[in-house]
Amino acid sequence: MNRLAAIFKKDVILGVKDVFLLLEVSFAIIFVLVLLFIVPEDVRTTGMAYIYDTTHVVEDFVTEYVPDIEDSEGEYYVESREALIEGMVEDVNSIGLIITNGVEDTYGVELLTQPYTKEGVIDFVEVDLEDLLSIIAPPYGIYPEDVYASVRLEARQRGTDEIIPFNKSILPTFLIFNVGLIGLFALVSIIGQERVDMTIRAFRLTPTSLNYFLASKYLLMLCLGLVTFTIIYIPMMGFSGYLLSLLIMMITVLVMSSIGIILASFYKGPMEAMGWVFIIMTLLTLPVVSQLNPVFSPAWLKLFPTYYTIFALDAAMFPSDNGMVIWQGIAVLAPLMVILILFSGWIFNRKIRKEA
């Protein structure tokens, strides 16, 4: 342990002298300030729907079953067609709905749109209204009568109806970039520079095993990851989900650090490996797209370890009934971490001995 402590102390001192550690901490502070004060909490553009309901059937239904819809969805009831049109003129993002009694106990619906309203929005509103009126007034709808008496709407997960602020929803992405992937880039650079400076060759002349050399690098990345993760996480999320998120991120740091050591083993200088570093980092960030846009989730994305990191992080940070996602991610990442640590150590020792 004394040998490891001495090597680790040397690595920390070199990291400070080379400004590498200070830069990483500074970037973490900048990132969290950007998330707190620049990135907005809400980026949605909610258009207003002005509704003139002469039947009061929709208004009464919404008031009874969804009392807070006016605040959350932007619906506003007016008393005349003229007031509806006036509201649409003032709000260029709005649409208008006029609901009247039709013939034979049916309803007449008139949809007023802006000249540039997209066809997709119109189709959505038409289908939504047909569905709503079918539920409100059976048997004139498209469903059998027994459906209305039996169907109940419940959230499958607690918290699924809660709106997560945008700056918090992208936090897993920031953590992947600023914490998770740092070991890959940093260790290629650090080990490559030590090979150029002949530090590793000099180290081999000592009785200390190269495994201590690698263990110190892993420990350095873990400590750096802990500090930067805490700097970013606590101001954004407090201590909610902190320990689980930290566990997931530390496993990811070790996985990425192992990949960095493997790359550094094949190149004698940091610049020689940078092309591969950027290619691998680009591939590893692809699962971020799936997290931001769940519609894009092809099966091949599961080949990347960061896929499990980002979804496990998301589940730990915003818990509902999704604890299984966390442990599935850990179940994949932890064995991969052990395999890569052992493999990277074997590759590194083998390559360095051949160069001696």
Protein backbone atom coordinates (compact mmCIF):
# COMPACT_ATOMS: atom_id res chain seq x y z
CA MET A 1 0.00 0.00 0.00
CA ASN A 2 2.89 2.36 0.70
CA ARG A 3 4.15 1.83 -2.86
CA LEU A 4 0.73 2.53 -4.30
CA ALA A 5 0.34 5.63 -2.13
CA ALA A 6 3.74 6.94 -3.29
CA ILE A 7 2.91 6.39 -6.98
CA PHE A 8 -0.54 7.92 -6.54
CA LYS A 9 0.97 10.99 -4.85
CA LYS A 10 3.34 11.37 -7.78
CA ASP A 11 0.46 11.14 -10.25
CA VAL A 12 -1.56 13.76 -8.39
CA ILE A 13 1.40 16.15 -8.25
CA LEU A 14 2.06 15.70 -11.97
CA GLY A 15 -1.62 16.15 -12.71
CA VAL A 16 -1.67 19.45 -10.85
CA LYS A 17 1.58 20.65 -12.41
CA ASP A 18 0.29 19.81 -15.89
CA VAL A 19 -2.95 21.65 -15.00
CA PHE A 20 -4.89 18.54 -16.13
CA LEU A 21 -6.67 17.98 -12.81
CA LEU A 22 -7.37 21.67 -12.37
CA LEU A 23 -8.84 21.90 -15.85
CA GLU A 24 -11.19 18.98 -15.25
CA VAL A 25 -12.46 20.47 -12.00
CA SER A 26 -12.84 23.86 -13.70
CA PHE A 27 -14.82 22.31 -16.55
CA ALA A 28 -17.11 20.60 -14.03
CA ILE A 29 -17.79 23.95 -12.33
CA ILE A 30 -18.46 25.61 -15.69
CA PHE A 31 -20.81 22.80 -16.74
CA VAL A 32 -22.89 22.98 -13.58
CA LEU A 33 -23.12 26.78 -13.84
CA VAL A 34 -24.32 26.42 -17.44
CA LEU A 35 -26.95 23.88 -16.38
CA LEU A 36 -28.12 26.02 -13.47
CA PHE A 37 -28.17 29.48 -15.03
CA ILE A 38 -28.09 29.19 -18.83
CA VAL A 39 -29.91 26.00 -19.88
CA PRO A 40 -33.65 26.64 -19.33
CA GLU A 41 -35.83 24.40 -17.20
CA ASP A 42 -38.53 24.31 -19.87
CA VAL A 43 -37.94 24.41 -23.63
CA ARG A 44 -41.43 23.36 -24.66
CA THR A 45 -43.50 25.66 -26.85
CA THR A 46 -47.09 25.11 -25.78
CA GLY A 47 -49.71 26.65 -28.05
CA MET A 48 -53.01 27.92 -26.71
CA ALA A 49 -56.29 26.25 -27.64
CA TYR A 50 -59.23 28.66 -27.49
CA ILE A 51 -62.48 26.70 -27.01
CA TYR A 52 -66.01 27.97 -27.54
CA ASP A 53 -68.18 25.14 -26.19
CA THR A 54 -71.88 25.92 -26.55
CA THR A 55 -72.76 22.46 -25.22
CA HIS A 56 -70.49 22.69 -22.16
CA VAL A 57 -70.00 18.94 -22.43
CA VAL A 58 -66.22 19.16 -22.96
CA GLU A 59 -65.77 21.96 -20.46
CA ASP A 60 -67.71 20.10 -17.77
CA PHE A 61 -65.80 16.87 -18.42
CA VAL A 62 -62.42 18.61 -18.21
CA THR A 63 -63.40 20.51 -15.07
CA GLU A 64 -64.53 17.33 -13.33
CA TYR A 65 -61.81 14.88 -14.34
CA VAL A 66 -58.79 17.05 -15.21
CA PRO A 67 -59.10 20.20 -13.06
CA ASP A 68 -55.54 21.42 -13.69
CA ILE A 69 -55.58 20.97 -17.48
CA GLU A 70 -55.95 24.69 -18.11
CA ASP A 71 -52.60 25.40 -16.49
CA SER A 72 -50.69 22.42 -17.89
CA GLU A 73 -52.06 22.22 -21.44
CA GLY A 74 -52.91 25.81 -22.35
CA GLU A 75 -56.67 25.58 -22.86
CA TYR A 76 -58.87 28.62 -22.50
CA TYR A 77 -62.65 28.79 -22.75
CA VAL A 78 -64.31 31.81 -24.38
CA GLU A 79 -67.94 32.93 -24.53
CA SER A 80 -68.29 33.68 -28.24
CA ARG A 81 -66.91 32.98 -31.68
CA GLU A 82 -65.67 36.57 -31.91
CA ALA A 83 -63.70 36.24 -28.66
CA LEU A 84 -62.16 33.03 -29.97
CA ILE A 85 -61.03 34.68 -33.20
CA GLU A 86 -59.70 37.69 -31.31
CA GLY A 87 -57.62 35.41 -29.10
CA MET A 88 -56.21 33.59 -32.12
CA VAL A 89 -55.23 36.89 -33.74
CA GLU A 90 -53.31 37.91 -30.63
CA ASP A 91 -51.65 34.50 -30.15
CA VAL A 92 -50.12 33.30 -33.42
CA ASN A 93 -49.38 29.85 -31.95
CA SER A 94 -52.99 29.16 -31.02
CA ILE A 95 -55.84 27.19 -32.55
CA GLY A 96 -59.59 27.42 -32.03
CA LEU A 97 -62.32 24.86 -31.37
CA ILE A 98 -66.04 25.52 -31.63
CA ILE A 99 -68.24 22.73 -30.24
CA THR A 100 -71.98 22.81 -30.91
CA ASN A 101 -74.95 20.45 -30.74
CA GLY A 102 -75.43 18.47 -33.93
CA VAL A 103 -78.35 16.48 -35.24
CA GLU A 104 -79.62 13.34 -33.53
CA ASP A 105 -77.65 13.80 -30.31
CA THR A 106 -74.31 14.26 -32.04
CA TYR A 107 -71.83 17.11 -31.77
CA GLY A 108 -70.54 19.51 -34.36
CA VAL A 109 -66.88 20.48 -34.10
CA GLU A 110 -65.28 23.31 -36.05
CA LEU A 111 -61.49 23.57 -35.97
CA LEU A 112 -59.94 26.97 -36.69
CA THR A 113 -56.23 27.03 -37.45
CA GLN A 114 -53.53 29.49 -38.35
CA PRO A 115 -52.43 29.67 -42.02
CA TYR A 116 -49.17 27.92 -41.16
CA THR A 117 -50.54 25.25 -38.80
CA LYS A 118 -49.02 21.90 -39.75
CA GLU A 119 -51.23 19.15 -41.13
CA GLY A 120 -49.88 16.77 -38.46
CA VAL A 121 -51.19 19.04 -35.71
CA ILE A 122 -54.62 19.22 -37.37
CA ASP A 123 -54.80 15.43 -37.74
CA PHE A 124 -53.77 14.96 -34.11
CA VAL A 125 -56.44 17.36 -32.83
CA GLU A 126 -59.12 15.70 -34.96
CA VAL A 127 -58.29 12.23 -33.68
CA ASP A 128 -57.97 13.47 -30.10
CA LEU A 129 -61.36 15.18 -30.23
CA GLU A 130 -63.07 12.14 -31.76
CA ASP A 131 -61.60 9.99 -29.02
CA LEU A 132 -62.61 12.42 -26.27
CA LEU A 133 -66.18 12.84 -27.49
CA SER A 134 -66.50 9.07 -27.84
CA ILE A 135 -65.58 8.64 -24.20
CA ILE A 136 -67.81 11.48 -22.99
CA ALA A 137 -70.99 10.54 -24.82
CA PRO A 138 -71.56 6.84 -25.41
CA PRO A 139 -73.04 5.12 -27.33
CA TYR A 140 -72.35 7.63 -30.10
CA GLY A 141 -68.63 6.93 -30.05
CA ILE A 142 -66.44 4.31 -31.65
CA TYR A 143 -66.15 2.03 -28.59
CA PRO A 144 -68.66 -0.54 -27.23
CA GLU A 145 -70.70 0.63 -24.22
CA ASP A 146 -69.02 -1.79 -21.80
CA VAL A 147 -65.66 -0.17 -22.51
CA TYR A 148 -66.71 3.08 -20.90
CA ALA A 149 -67.72 1.33 -17.69
CA SER A 150 -64.60 -0.82 -17.43
CA VAL A 151 -61.62 1.22 -18.62
CA ARG A 152 -59.62 3.07 -15.99
CA LEU A 153 -56.55 5.13 -16.70
CA GLU A 154 -53.67 4.72 -14.25
CA ALA A 155 -49.99 5.60 -14.45
CA ARG A 156 -47.88 2.47 -14.67
CA GLN A 157 -45.00 4.16 -12.86
CA ARG A 158 -45.05 6.64 -10.07
CA GLY A 159 -43.74 9.93 -11.35
CA THR A 160 -44.35 9.24 -15.05
CA ASP A 161 -46.74 12.20 -15.20
CA GLU A 162 -44.27 14.54 -13.53
CA ILE A 163 -42.51 16.96 -15.81
CA ILE A 164 -38.74 16.78 -15.39
CA PRO A 165 -37.04 20.17 -15.92
CA PHE A 166 -35.08 20.19 -19.17
CA ASN A 167 -31.77 21.17 -17.55
CA LYS A 168 -32.07 18.17 -15.23
CA SER A 169 -33.20 15.77 -17.96
CA ILE A 170 -29.95 16.33 -19.88
CA LEU A 171 -27.79 15.89 -16.76
CA PRO A 172 -27.02 12.19 -17.55
CA THR A 173 -25.64 13.33 -20.91
CA PHE A 174 -23.40 15.92 -19.26
CA LEU A 175 -22.17 13.32 -16.77
CA ILE A 176 -21.30 10.86 -19.55
CA PHE A 177 -19.23 13.50 -21.36
CA ASN A 178 -17.57 15.21 -18.41
CA VAL A 179 -17.11 12.27 -16.02
CA GLY A 180 -17.71 8.90 -17.67
CA LEU A 181 -15.50 9.30 -20.73
CA ILE A 182 -12.68 11.22 -19.08
CA GLY A 183 -10.70 8.07 -18.24
CA LEU A 184 -10.54 7.07 -21.91
CA PHE A 185 -9.10 10.37 -23.07
CA ALA A 186 -6.99 11.11 -20.00
CA LEU A 187 -5.18 7.79 -19.68
CA VAL A 188 -4.29 7.65 -23.37
CA SER A 189 -2.77 11.09 -22.94
CA ILE A 190 -1.07 10.48 -19.57
CA ILE A 191 0.36 7.03 -20.32
CA GLY A 192 1.36 8.07 -23.83
CA GLN A 193 3.27 11.06 -22.48
CA GLU A 194 4.98 8.91 -19.84
CA ARG A 195 6.10 6.54 -22.58
CA VAL A 196 7.52 9.48 -24.55
CA ASP A 197 9.34 10.74 -21.43
CA MET A 198 10.68 7.22 -20.72
CA THR A 199 9.04 7.34 -17.29
CA ILE A 200 7.62 3.84 -17.67
CA ARG A 201 10.98 2.41 -18.74
CA ALA A 202 12.58 3.96 -15.65
CA PHE A 203 9.73 2.61 -13.52
CA ARG A 204 10.48 -0.93 -14.73
CA LEU A 205 13.96 -0.68 -13.23
CA THR A 206 12.42 -0.45 -9.77
CA PRO A 207 11.20 -3.53 -7.86
CA THR A 208 7.60 -2.26 -8.04
CA SER A 209 5.21 -4.12 -10.32
CA LEU A 210 3.63 -2.39 -13.29
CA ASN A 211 0.30 -3.35 -11.77
CA TYR A 212 0.90 -0.70 -9.11
CA PHE A 213 1.50 1.79 -11.90
CA LEU A 214 -1.88 0.95 -13.44
CA ALA A 215 -3.65 0.81 -10.08
CA SER A 216 -2.49 4.34 -9.38
CA LYS A 217 -3.92 5.52 -12.70
CA TYR A 218 -7.25 3.87 -11.94
CA LEU A 219 -7.29 5.43 -8.49
CA LEU A 220 -6.51 8.84 -9.96
CA MET A 221 -9.43 8.55 -12.42
CA LEU A 222 -11.78 7.39 -9.65
CA CYS A 223 -10.86 10.32 -7.40
CA LEU A 224 -11.17 12.77 -10.28
CA GLY A 225 -14.49 11.24 -11.26
CA LEU A 226 -15.76 11.44 -7.68
CA VAL A 227 -14.86 15.13 -7.40
CA THR A 228 -16.23 16.20 -10.80
CA PHE A 229 -19.37 14.06 -10.42
CA THR A 230 -20.12 15.57 -7.01
CA ILE A 231 -19.51 19.12 -8.26
CA ILE A 232 -22.02 18.64 -11.07
CA TYR A 233 -24.56 16.40 -9.36
CA ILE A 234 -25.17 17.93 -5.93
CA PRO A 235 -26.12 21.48 -7.07
CA MET A 236 -28.54 20.00 -9.63
CA MET A 237 -30.10 17.06 -7.79
CA GLY A 238 -29.09 17.34 -4.15
CA PHE A 239 -28.54 13.93 -2.55
CA SER A 240 -31.51 12.31 -4.27
CA GLY A 241 -30.19 9.20 -6.03
CA TYR A 242 -26.60 10.30 -5.35
CA LEU A 243 -25.11 7.01 -4.13
CA LEU A 244 -26.64 4.84 -6.85
CA SER A 245 -25.71 7.35 -9.55
CA LEU A 246 -22.18 7.56 -8.16
CA LEU A 247 -21.85 3.77 -8.20
CA ILE A 248 -22.96 3.60 -11.83
CA MET A 249 -20.59 6.40 -12.81
CA MET A 250 -17.57 4.96 -11.00
CA ILE A 251 -18.05 1.61 -12.74
CA THR A 252 -18.25 3.48 -16.05
CA VAL A 253 -15.07 5.43 -15.25
CA LEU A 254 -13.22 2.15 -14.69
CA VAL A 255 -14.59 0.67 -17.93
CA MET A 256 -13.50 3.72 -19.94
CA SER A 257 -10.14 3.90 -18.18
CA SER A 258 -9.47 0.28 -19.12
CA ILE A 259 -10.22 1.06 -22.77
CA GLY A 260 -7.84 4.02 -22.51
CA ILE A 261 -5.07 1.79 -21.14
CA ILE A 262 -5.59 -0.73 -23.94
CA LEU A 263 -5.28 2.02 -26.56
CA ALA A 264 -2.25 3.53 -24.85
CA SER A 265 -0.55 0.12 -24.93
CA PHE A 266 -0.44 0.11 -28.73
CA TYR A 267 0.85 3.65 -29.28
CA LYS A 268 4.10 5.20 -28.07
CA GLY A 269 2.79 8.74 -27.95
CA PRO A 270 -0.53 10.39 -27.09
CA MET A 271 -1.02 12.07 -30.46
CA GLU A 272 -0.73 8.78 -32.34
CA ALA A 273 -3.80 7.39 -30.57
CA MET A 274 -5.98 10.50 -30.64
CA GLY A 275 -7.70 9.56 -33.90
CA TRP A 276 -8.92 6.30 -32.40
CA VAL A 277 -9.83 8.07 -29.15
CA PHE A 278 -12.18 10.46 -30.92
CA ILE A 279 -13.72 7.70 -33.05
CA ILE A 280 -14.39 5.54 -29.99
CA MET A 281 -15.71 8.47 -27.97
CA THR A 282 -18.06 9.40 -30.81
CA LEU A 283 -19.42 5.85 -30.97
CA LEU A 284 -19.80 5.68 -27.20
CA THR A 285 -21.90 8.85 -27.18
CA LEU A 286 -24.47 7.47 -29.66
CA PRO A 287 -26.71 6.07 -26.87
CA VAL A 288 -27.22 9.67 -25.74
CA VAL A 289 -29.42 10.13 -28.82
CA SER A 290 -31.62 7.26 -27.65
CA GLN A 291 -31.95 8.77 -24.18
CA LEU A 292 -32.93 12.18 -25.54
CA ASN A 293 -35.16 10.69 -28.24
CA PRO A 294 -36.49 7.27 -27.13
CA VAL A 295 -38.02 6.67 -30.58
CA PHE A 296 -34.47 6.07 -31.83
CA SER A 297 -33.47 2.91 -30.00
CA PRO A 298 -32.07 0.28 -32.39
CA ALA A 299 -30.90 -2.99 -30.86
CA TRP A 300 -27.25 -2.43 -31.85
CA LEU A 301 -27.00 0.50 -29.43
CA LYS A 302 -27.02 -2.06 -26.62
CA LEU A 303 -23.54 -3.12 -27.74
CA PHE A 304 -22.14 0.08 -26.23
CA PRO A 305 -21.56 0.15 -22.45
CA THR A 306 -22.65 3.78 -22.29
CA TYR A 307 -26.16 2.65 -23.28
CA TYR A 308 -26.51 0.94 -19.91
CA THR A 309 -24.81 3.81 -18.11
CA ILE A 310 -27.09 6.53 -19.36
CA PHE A 311 -30.35 4.67 -18.80
CA ALA A 312 -29.27 3.39 -15.37
CA LEU A 313 -28.28 6.96 -14.46
CA ASP A 314 -31.61 8.28 -15.66
CA ALA A 315 -33.46 5.68 -13.59
CA ALA A 316 -31.38 6.41 -10.48
CA MET A 317 -31.78 10.17 -10.79
CA PHE A 318 -35.50 10.15 -11.56
CA PRO A 319 -36.83 7.08 -9.72
CA SER A 320 -40.26 5.69 -10.37
CA ASP A 321 -41.02 2.02 -10.74
CA ASN A 322 -37.84 1.50 -12.75
CA GLY A 323 -35.33 0.08 -10.26
CA MET A 324 -34.88 -2.90 -12.56
CA VAL A 325 -33.22 -0.64 -15.14
CA ILE A 326 -30.57 0.36 -12.60
CA TRP A 327 -29.63 -3.18 -11.65
CA GLN A 328 -29.73 -4.37 -15.25
CA GLY A 329 -27.22 -1.66 -16.10
CA ILE A 330 -24.97 -2.57 -13.19
CA ALA A 331 -25.27 -6.28 -14.05
CA VAL A 332 -23.87 -5.55 -17.51
CA LEU A 333 -21.27 -2.91 -16.58
CA ALA A 334 -19.74 -4.57 -13.50
CA PRO A 335 -18.63 -7.84 -15.20
CA LEU A 336 -17.44 -5.84 -18.20
CA MET A 337 -15.40 -3.66 -15.84
CA VAL A 338 -13.68 -6.69 -14.28
CA ILE A 339 -12.94 -8.25 -17.67
CA LEU A 340 -11.52 -5.04 -19.13
CA ILE A 341 -9.37 -4.28 -16.07
CA LEU A 342 -7.79 -7.74 -16.25
CA PHE A 343 -7.43 -7.64 -20.02
CA SER A 344 -5.96 -4.13 -20.09
CA GLY A 345 -3.44 -5.08 -17.40
CA TRP A 346 -2.37 -8.15 -19.38
CA ILE A 347 -2.06 -6.17 -22.64
CA PHE A 348 -0.15 -3.32 -21.01
CA ASN A 349 2.33 -5.58 -19.20
CA ARG A 350 2.89 -7.63 -22.36
CA LYS A 351 3.52 -4.59 -24.58
CA ILE A 352 5.84 -2.84 -22.13
CA ARG A 353 7.93 -5.97 -21.58
CA LYS A 354 8.36 -6.40 -25.32
CA GLU A 355 9.70 -2.87 -25.61
CA ALA A 356 12.28 -3.38 -22.88
